[in-house]
């Protein structure tokens, strides 16, 4: 999937026979890349309800904010994610 254009990844993820967490995270990522922040946010809300505490959901929320130029809101989310991943801080 990495070699595909974002729209192709979105289509592949949306049509995946099994919608795993990873497939939905990939779909959220490409929605962010395509400027569909509301759709990405809805996917992330679903994942957050199903997998509370999954750091990847917070990471993609921060990426979405950053992509929209909302750096002041993204920064504390990124800081929190770095705190959750001790080897990354």
PDB file of N, CA and C in Angstrom:
ATOM      1  N   UNK A   1       0.806  -1.207   0.000  1.00  0.00           N
ATOM      2  CA  UNK A   1       0.000   0.000   0.000  1.00  0.00           C
ATOM      3  C   UNK A   1       0.844   1.264   0.000  1.00  0.00           C
ATOM      4  N   UNK A   2       2.048   1.184   0.520  1.00  0.00           N
ATOM      5  CA  UNK A   2       2.882   2.375   0.642  1.00  0.00           C
ATOM      6  C   UNK A   2       3.222   2.989  -0.703  1.00  0.00           C
ATOM      7  N   UNK A   3       3.238   2.201  -1.771  1.00  0.00           N
ATOM      8  CA  UNK A   3       3.601   2.718  -3.089  1.00  0.00           C
ATOM      9  C   UNK A   3       2.418   3.350  -3.810  1.00  0.00           C
ATOM     10  N   UNK A   4       1.227   3.230  -3.259  1.00  0.00           N
ATOM     11  CA  UNK A   4       0.031   3.768  -3.905  1.00  0.00           C
ATOM     12  C   UNK A   4      -0.170   5.235  -3.562  1.00  0.00           C
ATOM     13  N   UNK A   5      -0.932   5.913  -4.392  1.00  0.00           N
ATOM     14  CA  UNK A   5      -1.339   7.291  -4.111  1.00  0.00           C
ATOM     15  C   UNK A   5      -2.348   7.269  -2.958  1.00  0.00           C
ATOM     16  N   UNK A   6      -2.462   8.370  -2.192  1.00  0.00           N
ATOM     17  CA  UNK A   6      -3.387   8.386  -1.058  1.00  0.00           C
ATOM     18  C   UNK A   6      -4.825   7.986  -1.417  1.00  0.00           C
ATOM     19  N   UNK A   7      -5.328   8.444  -2.539  1.00  0.00           N
ATOM     20  CA  UNK A   7      -6.702   8.089  -2.921  1.00  0.00           C
ATOM     21  C   UNK A   7      -6.837   6.589  -3.158  1.00  0.00           C
ATOM     22  N   UNK A   8      -5.789   5.977  -3.700  1.00  0.00           N
ATOM     23  CA  UNK A   8      -5.815   4.531  -3.930  1.00  0.00           C
ATOM     24  C   UNK A   8      -5.759   3.767  -2.605  1.00  0.00           C
ATOM     25  N   UNK A   9      -4.973   4.264  -1.677  1.00  0.00           N
ATOM     26  CA  UNK A   9      -4.903   3.641  -0.355  1.00  0.00           C
ATOM     27  C   UNK A   9      -6.261   3.756   0.334  1.00  0.00           C
ATOM     28  N   UNK A  10      -6.888   4.933   0.230  1.00  0.00           N
ATOM     29  CA  UNK A  10      -8.206   5.132   0.839  1.00  0.00           C
ATOM     30  C   UNK A  10      -9.213   4.144   0.275  1.00  0.00           C
ATOM     31  N   UNK A  11      -9.196   3.969  -1.029  1.00  0.00           N
ATOM     32  CA  UNK A  11     -10.125   3.034  -1.663  1.00  0.00           C
ATOM     33  C   UNK A  11      -9.846   1.600  -1.213  1.00  0.00           C
ATOM     34  N   UNK A  12      -8.579   1.217  -1.196  1.00  0.00           N
ATOM     35  CA  UNK A  12      -8.214  -0.142  -0.775  1.00  0.00           C
ATOM     36  C   UNK A  12      -8.612  -0.392   0.679  1.00  0.00           C
ATOM     37  N   UNK A  13      -8.360   0.578   1.542  1.00  0.00           N
ATOM     38  CA  UNK A  13      -8.699   0.416   2.957  1.00  0.00           C
ATOM     39  C   UNK A  13     -10.210   0.385   3.161  1.00  0.00           C
ATOM     40  N   UNK A  14     -10.928   1.246   2.443  1.00  0.00           N
ATOM     41  CA  UNK A  14     -12.386   1.283   2.574  1.00  0.00           C
ATOM     42  C   UNK A  14     -13.024  -0.013   2.101  1.00  0.00           C
ATOM     43  N   UNK A  15     -12.394  -0.679   1.149  1.00  0.00           N
ATOM     44  CA  UNK A  15     -12.942  -1.920   0.591  1.00  0.00           C
ATOM     45  C   UNK A  15     -12.280  -3.173   1.145  1.00  0.00           C
ATOM     46  N   UNK A  16     -11.473  -3.029   2.166  1.00  0.00           N
ATOM     47  CA  UNK A  16     -10.792  -4.192   2.750  1.00  0.00           C
ATOM     48  C   UNK A  16     -11.826  -5.177   3.292  1.00  0.00           C
ATOM     49  N   UNK A  17     -11.603  -6.463   3.071  1.00  0.00           N
ATOM     50  CA  UNK A  17     -12.575  -7.454   3.542  1.00  0.00           C
ATOM     51  C   UNK A  17     -12.692  -7.500   5.068  1.00  0.00           C
ATOM     52  N   UNK A  18     -11.625  -7.148   5.761  1.00  0.00           N
ATOM     53  CA  UNK A  18     -11.640  -7.096   7.220  1.00  0.00           C
ATOM     54  C   UNK A  18     -11.159  -5.708   7.627  1.00  0.00           C
ATOM     55  N   UNK A  19     -11.966  -5.021   8.433  1.00  0.00           N
ATOM     56  CA  UNK A  19     -11.611  -3.661   8.844  1.00  0.00           C
ATOM     57  C   UNK A  19     -10.929  -3.705  10.215  1.00  0.00           C
ATOM     58  N   UNK A  20      -9.685  -4.121  10.198  1.00  0.00           N
ATOM     59  CA  UNK A  20      -8.906  -4.190  11.432  1.00  0.00           C
ATOM     60  C   UNK A  20      -8.583  -2.776  11.917  1.00  0.00           C
ATOM     61  N   UNK A  21      -8.056  -2.715  13.109  1.00  0.00           N
ATOM     62  CA  UNK A  21      -7.596  -1.428  13.640  1.00  0.00           C
ATOM     63  C   UNK A  21      -6.579  -0.802  12.704  1.00  0.00           C
ATOM     64  N   UNK A  22      -5.653  -1.605  12.219  1.00  0.00           N
ATOM     65  CA  UNK A  22      -4.595  -1.086  11.349  1.00  0.00           C
ATOM     66  C   UNK A  22      -5.157  -0.559  10.036  1.00  0.00           C
ATOM     67  N   UNK A  23      -6.148  -1.242   9.480  1.00  0.00           N
ATOM     68  CA  UNK A  23      -6.779  -0.775   8.238  1.00  0.00           C
ATOM     69  C   UNK A  23      -7.467   0.561   8.484  1.00  0.00           C
ATOM     70  N   UNK A  24      -8.170   0.685   9.591  1.00  0.00           N
ATOM     71  CA  UNK A  24      -8.863   1.947   9.878  1.00  0.00           C
ATOM     72  C   UNK A  24      -7.889   3.069  10.198  1.00  0.00           C
ATOM     73  N   UNK A  25      -6.769   2.752  10.837  1.00  0.00           N
ATOM     74  CA  UNK A  25      -5.748   3.780  11.058  1.00  0.00           C
ATOM     75  C   UNK A  25      -5.143   4.233   9.735  1.00  0.00           C
ATOM     76  N   UNK A  26      -4.903   3.298   8.831  1.00  0.00           N
ATOM     77  CA  UNK A  26      -4.386   3.659   7.503  1.00  0.00           C
ATOM     78  C   UNK A  26      -5.385   4.534   6.772  1.00  0.00           C
ATOM     79  N   UNK A  27      -6.659   4.207   6.894  1.00  0.00           N
ATOM     80  CA  UNK A  27      -7.695   5.012   6.252  1.00  0.00           C
ATOM     81  C   UNK A  27      -7.748   6.410   6.864  1.00  0.00           C
ATOM     82  N   UNK A  28      -7.641   6.504   8.182  1.00  0.00           N
ATOM     83  CA  UNK A  28      -7.621   7.818   8.836  1.00  0.00           C
ATOM     84  C   UNK A  28      -6.427   8.637   8.354  1.00  0.00           C
ATOM     85  N   UNK A  29      -5.270   7.983   8.239  1.00  0.00           N
ATOM     86  CA  UNK A  29      -4.065   8.697   7.785  1.00  0.00           C
ATOM     87  C   UNK A  29      -4.250   9.271   6.391  1.00  0.00           C
ATOM     88  N   UNK A  30      -4.783   8.473   5.472  1.00  0.00           N
ATOM     89  CA  UNK A  30      -4.937   8.993   4.111  1.00  0.00           C
ATOM     90  C   UNK A  30      -6.058  10.012   4.035  1.00  0.00           C
ATOM     91  N   UNK A  31      -7.067   9.890   4.881  1.00  0.00           N
ATOM     92  CA  UNK A  31      -8.112  10.924   4.918  1.00  0.00           C
ATOM     93  C   UNK A  31      -7.490  12.254   5.346  1.00  0.00           C
ATOM     94  N   UNK A  32      -6.584  12.208   6.302  1.00  0.00           N
ATOM     95  CA  UNK A  32      -5.876  13.420   6.723  1.00  0.00           C
ATOM     96  C   UNK A  32      -5.081  13.981   5.550  1.00  0.00           C
ATOM     97  N   UNK A  33      -4.346  13.108   4.852  1.00  0.00           N
ATOM     98  CA  UNK A  33      -3.550  13.545   3.697  1.00  0.00           C
ATOM     99  C   UNK A  33      -4.417  14.154   2.605  1.00  0.00           C
ATOM    100  N   UNK A  34      -5.627  13.632   2.447  1.00  0.00           N
ATOM    101  CA  UNK A  34      -6.531  14.113   1.395  1.00  0.00           C
ATOM    102  C   UNK A  34      -7.351  15.323   1.834  1.00  0.00           C
ATOM    103  N   UNK A  35      -7.147  15.778   3.070  1.00  0.00           N
ATOM    104  CA  UNK A  35      -7.859  16.953   3.556  1.00  0.00           C
ATOM    105  C   UNK A  35      -9.256  16.667   4.068  1.00  0.00           C
ATOM    106  N   UNK A  36      -9.569  15.409   4.318  1.00  0.00           N
ATOM    107  CA  UNK A  36     -10.891  15.022   4.825  1.00  0.00           C
ATOM    108  C   UNK A  36     -10.803  14.819   6.340  1.00  0.00           C
ATOM    109  N   UNK A  37     -10.535  15.909   7.041  1.00  0.00           N
ATOM    110  CA  UNK A  37     -10.295  15.840   8.482  1.00  0.00           C
ATOM    111  C   UNK A  37     -11.510  15.346   9.252  1.00  0.00           C
ATOM    112  N   UNK A  38     -12.710  15.739   8.833  1.00  0.00           N
ATOM    113  CA  UNK A  38     -13.907  15.296   9.549  1.00  0.00           C
ATOM    114  C   UNK A  38     -14.089  13.787   9.447  1.00  0.00           C
ATOM    115  N   UNK A  39     -13.841  13.229   8.265  1.00  0.00           N
ATOM    116  CA  UNK A  39     -13.949  11.780   8.084  1.00  0.00           C
ATOM    117  C   UNK A  39     -12.889  11.058   8.907  1.00  0.00           C
ATOM    118  N   UNK A  40     -11.680  11.590   8.906  1.00  0.00           N
ATOM    119  CA  UNK A  40     -10.609  10.997   9.716  1.00  0.00           C
ATOM    120  C   UNK A  40     -10.979  11.059  11.192  1.00  0.00           C
ATOM    121  N   UNK A  41     -11.511  12.191  11.611  1.00  0.00           N
ATOM    122  CA  UNK A  41     -11.916  12.351  13.009  1.00  0.00           C
ATOM    123  C   UNK A  41     -12.984  11.357  13.423  1.00  0.00           C
ATOM    124  N   UNK A  42     -13.945  11.094  12.539  1.00  0.00           N
ATOM    125  CA  UNK A  42     -14.997  10.118  12.839  1.00  0.00           C
ATOM    126  C   UNK A  42     -14.407   8.717  13.005  1.00  0.00           C
ATOM    127  N   UNK A  43     -13.478   8.354  12.135  1.00  0.00           N
ATOM    128  CA  UNK A  43     -12.808   7.050  12.261  1.00  0.00           C
ATOM    129  C   UNK A  43     -12.037   6.959  13.575  1.00  0.00           C
ATOM    130  N   UNK A  44     -11.344   8.024  13.907  1.00  0.00           N
ATOM    131  CA  UNK A  44     -10.558   8.032  15.141  1.00  0.00           C
ATOM    132  C   UNK A  44     -11.458   7.985  16.368  1.00  0.00           C
ATOM    133  N   UNK A  45     -12.627   8.630  16.296  1.00  0.00           N
ATOM    134  CA  UNK A  45     -13.589   8.555  17.405  1.00  0.00           C
ATOM    135  C   UNK A  45     -14.047   7.114  17.620  1.00  0.00           C
ATOM    136  N   UNK A  46     -14.351   6.407  16.517  1.00  0.00           N
ATOM    137  CA  UNK A  46     -14.759   4.997  16.607  1.00  0.00           C
ATOM    138  C   UNK A  46     -13.658   4.164  17.259  1.00  0.00           C
ATOM    139  N   UNK A  47     -12.443   4.356  16.776  1.00  0.00           N
ATOM    140  CA  UNK A  47     -11.317   3.585  17.311  1.00  0.00           C
ATOM    141  C   UNK A  47     -11.065   3.897  18.779  1.00  0.00           C
ATOM    142  N   UNK A  48     -11.199   5.162  19.148  1.00  0.00           N
ATOM    143  CA  UNK A  48     -10.974   5.560  20.535  1.00  0.00           C
ATOM    144  C   UNK A  48     -11.996   4.897  21.454  1.00  0.00           C
ATOM    145  N   UNK A  49     -13.241   4.779  20.978  1.00  0.00           N
ATOM    146  CA  UNK A  49     -14.279   4.126  21.774  1.00  0.00           C
ATOM    147  C   UNK A  49     -14.002   2.628  21.930  1.00  0.00           C
ATOM    148  N   UNK A  50     -13.471   2.023  20.879  1.00  0.00           N
ATOM    149  CA  UNK A  50     -13.189   0.583  20.895  1.00  0.00           C
ATOM    150  C   UNK A  50     -11.875   0.242  21.585  1.00  0.00           C
ATOM    151  N   UNK A  51     -10.907   1.134  21.462  1.00  0.00           N
ATOM    152  CA  UNK A  51      -9.559   0.851  21.964  1.00  0.00           C
ATOM    153  C   UNK A  51      -9.046   2.028  22.800  1.00  0.00           C
ATOM    154  N   UNK A  52      -9.723   2.308  23.912  1.00  0.00           N
ATOM    155  CA  UNK A  52      -9.267   3.445  24.720  1.00  0.00           C
ATOM    156  C   UNK A  52      -7.817   3.240  25.161  1.00  0.00           C
ATOM    157  N   UNK A  53      -7.059   4.285  25.053  1.00  0.00           N
ATOM    158  CA  UNK A  53      -5.664   4.212  25.458  1.00  0.00           C
ATOM    159  C   UNK A  53      -4.700   3.813  24.361  1.00  0.00           C
ATOM    160  N   UNK A  54      -5.216   3.488  23.170  1.00  0.00           N
ATOM    161  CA  UNK A  54      -4.317   3.148  22.057  1.00  0.00           C
ATOM    162  C   UNK A  54      -3.624   4.434  21.617  1.00  0.00           C
ATOM    163  N   UNK A  55      -2.310   4.490  21.802  1.00  0.00           N
ATOM    164  CA  UNK A  55      -1.555   5.715  21.527  1.00  0.00           C
ATOM    165  C   UNK A  55      -1.660   6.142  20.065  1.00  0.00           C
ATOM    166  N   UNK A  56      -1.891   5.208  19.157  1.00  0.00           N
ATOM    167  CA  UNK A  56      -1.934   5.538  17.732  1.00  0.00           C
ATOM    168  C   UNK A  56      -3.100   6.462  17.394  1.00  0.00           C
ATOM    169  N   UNK A  57      -4.199   6.310  18.114  1.00  0.00           N
ATOM    170  CA  UNK A  57      -5.353   7.182  17.876  1.00  0.00           C
ATOM    171  C   UNK A  57      -4.975   8.625  18.205  1.00  0.00           C
ATOM    172  N   UNK A  58      -4.358   8.831  19.354  1.00  0.00           N
ATOM    173  CA  UNK A  58      -3.910  10.171  19.731  1.00  0.00           C
ATOM    174  C   UNK A  58      -2.880  10.729  18.768  1.00  0.00           C
ATOM    175  N   UNK A  59      -1.994   9.856  18.297  1.00  0.00           N
ATOM    176  CA  UNK A  59      -0.967  10.283  17.341  1.00  0.00           C
ATOM    177  C   UNK A  59      -1.620  10.820  16.072  1.00  0.00           C
ATOM    178  N   UNK A  60      -2.566  10.069  15.518  1.00  0.00           N
ATOM    179  CA  UNK A  60      -3.209  10.516  14.282  1.00  0.00           C
ATOM    180  C   UNK A  60      -4.093  11.739  14.501  1.00  0.00           C
ATOM    181  N   UNK A  61      -4.664  11.879  15.694  1.00  0.00           N
ATOM    182  CA  UNK A  61      -5.387  13.126  15.996  1.00  0.00           C
ATOM    183  C   UNK A  61      -4.421  14.309  15.917  1.00  0.00           C
ATOM    184  N   UNK A  62      -3.243  14.137  16.510  1.00  0.00           N
ATOM    185  CA  UNK A  62      -2.238  15.203  16.483  1.00  0.00           C
ATOM    186  C   UNK A  62      -1.776  15.482  15.059  1.00  0.00           C
ATOM    187  N   UNK A  63      -1.573  14.438  14.272  1.00  0.00           N
ATOM    188  CA  UNK A  63      -1.175  14.618  12.871  1.00  0.00           C
ATOM    189  C   UNK A  63      -2.254  15.390  12.115  1.00  0.00           C
ATOM    190  N   UNK A  64      -3.518  15.054  12.371  1.00  0.00           N
ATOM    191  CA  UNK A  64      -4.621  15.759  11.717  1.00  0.00           C
ATOM    192  C   UNK A  64      -4.649  17.239  12.076  1.00  0.00           C
ATOM    193  N   UNK A  65      -4.417  17.543  13.336  1.00  0.00           N
ATOM    194  CA  UNK A  65      -4.366  18.943  13.756  1.00  0.00           C
ATOM    195  C   UNK A  65      -3.198  19.661  13.097  1.00  0.00           C
ATOM    196  N   UNK A  66      -2.059  19.007  13.067  1.00  0.00           N
ATOM    197  CA  UNK A  66      -0.874  19.591  12.443  1.00  0.00           C
ATOM    198  C   UNK A  66      -1.118  19.852  10.962  1.00  0.00           C
ATOM    199  N   UNK A  67      -1.772  18.925  10.288  1.00  0.00           N
ATOM    200  CA  UNK A  67      -2.056  19.077   8.859  1.00  0.00           C
ATOM    201  C   UNK A  67      -2.974  20.267   8.586  1.00  0.00           C
ATOM    202  N   UNK A  68      -3.777  20.628   9.572  1.00  0.00           N
ATOM    203  CA  UNK A  68      -4.677  21.780   9.420  1.00  0.00           C
ATOM    204  C   UNK A  68      -4.072  23.061   9.978  1.00  0.00           C
ATOM    205  N   UNK A  69      -2.789  23.002  10.332  1.00  0.00           N
ATOM    206  CA  UNK A  69      -2.109  24.194  10.819  1.00  0.00           C
ATOM    207  C   UNK A  69      -2.420  24.540  12.259  1.00  0.00           C
ATOM    208  N   UNK A  70      -2.978  23.619  13.008  1.00  0.00           N
ATOM    209  CA  UNK A  70      -3.361  23.867  14.397  1.00  0.00           C
ATOM    210  C   UNK A  70      -2.274  23.323  15.332  1.00  0.00           C
ATOM    211  N   UNK A  71      -1.093  23.920  15.193  1.00  0.00           N
ATOM    212  CA  UNK A  71       0.083  23.415  15.909  1.00  0.00           C
ATOM    213  C   UNK A  71      -0.044  23.535  17.427  1.00  0.00           C
ATOM    214  N   UNK A  72      -0.669  24.596  17.899  1.00  0.00           N
ATOM    215  CA  UNK A  72      -0.800  24.781  19.346  1.00  0.00           C
ATOM    216  C   UNK A  72      -1.638  23.669  19.969  1.00  0.00           C
ATOM    217  N   UNK A  73      -2.614  23.149  19.235  1.00  0.00           N
ATOM    218  CA  UNK A  73      -3.433  22.046  19.735  1.00  0.00           C
ATOM    219  C   UNK A  73      -2.725  20.701  19.553  1.00  0.00           C
ATOM    220  N   UNK A  74      -1.930  20.587  18.503  1.00  0.00           N
ATOM    221  CA  UNK A  74      -1.242  19.326  18.219  1.00  0.00           C
ATOM    222  C   UNK A  74      -0.092  19.071  19.194  1.00  0.00           C
ATOM    223  N   UNK A  75       0.599  20.119  19.588  1.00  0.00           N
ATOM    224  CA  UNK A  75       1.801  19.951  20.407  1.00  0.00           C
ATOM    225  C   UNK A  75       1.567  19.171  21.696  1.00  0.00           C
ATOM    226  N   UNK A  76       0.535  19.502  22.507  1.00  0.00           N
ATOM    227  CA  UNK A  76       0.366  18.719  23.738  1.00  0.00           C
ATOM    228  C   UNK A  76       0.002  17.256  23.473  1.00  0.00           C
ATOM    229  N   UNK A  77      -0.686  16.992  22.370  1.00  0.00           N
ATOM    230  CA  UNK A  77      -0.989  15.599  22.024  1.00  0.00           C
ATOM    231  C   UNK A  77       0.285  14.843  21.675  1.00  0.00           C
ATOM    232  N   UNK A  78       1.149  15.471  20.885  1.00  0.00           N
ATOM    233  CA  UNK A  78       2.429  14.835  20.563  1.00  0.00           C
ATOM    234  C   UNK A  78       3.258  14.624  21.831  1.00  0.00           C
ATOM    235  N   UNK A  79       3.269  15.606  22.719  1.00  0.00           N
ATOM    236  CA  UNK A  79       4.009  15.462  23.977  1.00  0.00           C
ATOM    237  C   UNK A  79       3.492  14.275  24.776  1.00  0.00           C
ATOM    238  N   UNK A  80       2.181  14.115  24.812  1.00  0.00           N
ATOM    239  CA  UNK A  80       1.585  12.988  25.535  1.00  0.00           C
ATOM    240  C   UNK A  80       2.009  11.667  24.903  1.00  0.00           C
ATOM    241  N   UNK A  81       2.006  11.610  23.585  1.00  0.00           N
ATOM    242  CA  UNK A  81       2.391  10.373  22.899  1.00  0.00           C
ATOM    243  C   UNK A  81       3.852  10.023  23.188  1.00  0.00           C
ATOM    244  N   UNK A  82       4.720  11.017  23.171  1.00  0.00           N
ATOM    245  CA  UNK A  82       6.130  10.774  23.478  1.00  0.00           C
ATOM    246  C   UNK A  82       6.293  10.267  24.907  1.00  0.00           C
ATOM    247  N   UNK A  83       5.465  10.779  25.806  1.00  0.00           N
ATOM    248  CA  UNK A  83       5.511  10.318  27.187  1.00  0.00           C
ATOM    249  C   UNK A  83       5.066   8.875  27.353  1.00  0.00           C
ATOM    250  N   UNK A  84       4.185   8.422  26.471  1.00  0.00           N
ATOM    251  CA  UNK A  84       3.698   7.043  26.528  1.00  0.00           C
ATOM    252  C   UNK A  84       4.693   6.048  25.949  1.00  0.00           C
ATOM    253  N   UNK A  85       5.618   6.546  25.145  1.00  0.00           N
ATOM    254  CA  UNK A  85       6.600   5.685  24.481  1.00  0.00           C
ATOM    255  C   UNK A  85       7.980   6.010  25.029  1.00  0.00           C
ATOM    256  N   UNK A  86       8.348   5.422  26.160  1.00  0.00           N
ATOM    257  CA  UNK A  86       9.575   5.818  26.854  1.00  0.00           C
ATOM    258  C   UNK A  86      10.837   5.814  26.002  1.00  0.00           C
ATOM    259  N   UNK A  87      10.982   4.892  25.104  1.00  0.00           N
ATOM    260  CA  UNK A  87      12.188   4.838  24.284  1.00  0.00           C
ATOM    261  C   UNK A  87      12.238   5.906  23.215  1.00  0.00           C
ATOM    262  N   UNK A  88      11.134   6.600  23.004  1.00  0.00           N
ATOM    263  CA  UNK A  88      11.054   7.607  21.951  1.00  0.00           C
ATOM    264  C   UNK A  88      11.286   9.014  22.476  1.00  0.00           C
ATOM    265  N   UNK A  89      11.146   9.217  23.767  1.00  0.00           N
ATOM    266  CA  UNK A  89      11.253  10.565  24.327  1.00  0.00           C
ATOM    267  C   UNK A  89      12.681  11.045  24.360  1.00  0.00           C
TER     268      UNK A  89
END
